[in-house]
Amino acid sequence: MVTADRVGVAEVVRAVEEVNDLVFQCAVDLSDAVLDARATRKAKGNRNAGMNGKGNAREAVFKEWGREIVRRLERDVLDVDEGESTVLFEAMVQNVLIEACAGVTKTLCFTDSTVDQHLKGVRERIQRTHEPSIAKNWLSMTANHASESTPTDHTIEVITRRLWNLVLVAGWQKPSSSRTEAPIIADKVKTLMSKSLGIRKMVMQGVLSAEVEVVFPQKECWFDESCMTDTYALEGAGSSRAGAKEARVMDGPGSDTFKRAVCAAALGVTCSKPKAKAEEEGEKGAKAELVLKPKVLLYSTLEEGDA
């Protein structure tokens, strides 16, 4: 039985940080495309063209994000009098992508969701009834034999469609072809899926001495600085984007604790060692340790952009 790690937790963290960087860059590229299209329309005197022909996309985004967020997105990007801000749009794009990337790292069977759920159930039962080393080796072998199963074209198409809907709602429109950008988006998604498969191999087959998981908080959660980071705090990544401030002003200790987050914008990583292993190393137990905090966009950041 193999018990030695093939990769370290630090390598997983670096790989996740690389994915986060790629996700952020993808969001910036798409927001630049939206703003360029808007500028072209304005130059031609056709400022409201981006509001047409997007009914289906708008309904799809409504269902996923809610009407309040969609209206805010349209106001930020499309309102001529208010100016333009891509902060919310970029965070929404990032959220779609990190959700997909995290899903890849946890999937055992990509071709059949029922089989995937069954295998995850088997894993949970093995974890409850066997030694951690046995459970980790079972996962490693199962993931290895399932390695020929990768995200399908349908999966990539679904993710691409979700991004495309956001792009349309944000006002991108090109008269000659309504889907010119879709292949470009699909290529970015394929790259991220490939990177995520690499992380999946690390956490399922590489790290055998601990449980490592890629995580992110759900939409509309309350901000907790002990387990997440404000993506625009202290000149964080992307702090120079329109509508964001370079630093946050704190009202006092813990004042950020009760702020509400719109959504996660970057992945985090947790690591927990089996209880016996932790005790052997003089640690308290198998509680998951957050070794990389996920990043979130706060509603307060959007409000600061209004100020």
Foldseek 3Di string as FASTA:
>chain_A
DDQDFQDDPVVLQVLQVVLLVLLLVVLVVLVVLLLVQQVVCVVVVNLCPLVPDQVVLLVVVCVVQNPVLLVLLQCQQRPPVQHHFCPSLSQVSLQLLVVLLQVLLQFLAQPDVVVRVVVVVVLVVCPVPHDLLVSLVVLQVSSVVRVVHAHDPVNLVVSLSNNLSSSSSSRDADVVDRCPCSVVSSVSSVVSSVSSNVSSNNQRNRNSQKHKHKDFDAAFAQDAVVAAAACQAQQHPPQPGQQAHNHDDDPDPPRSRGFTFGTWRGIWMWIFGQAVVQVVVVHDGGDIDTPGHTYTHTVVSNVSSSD
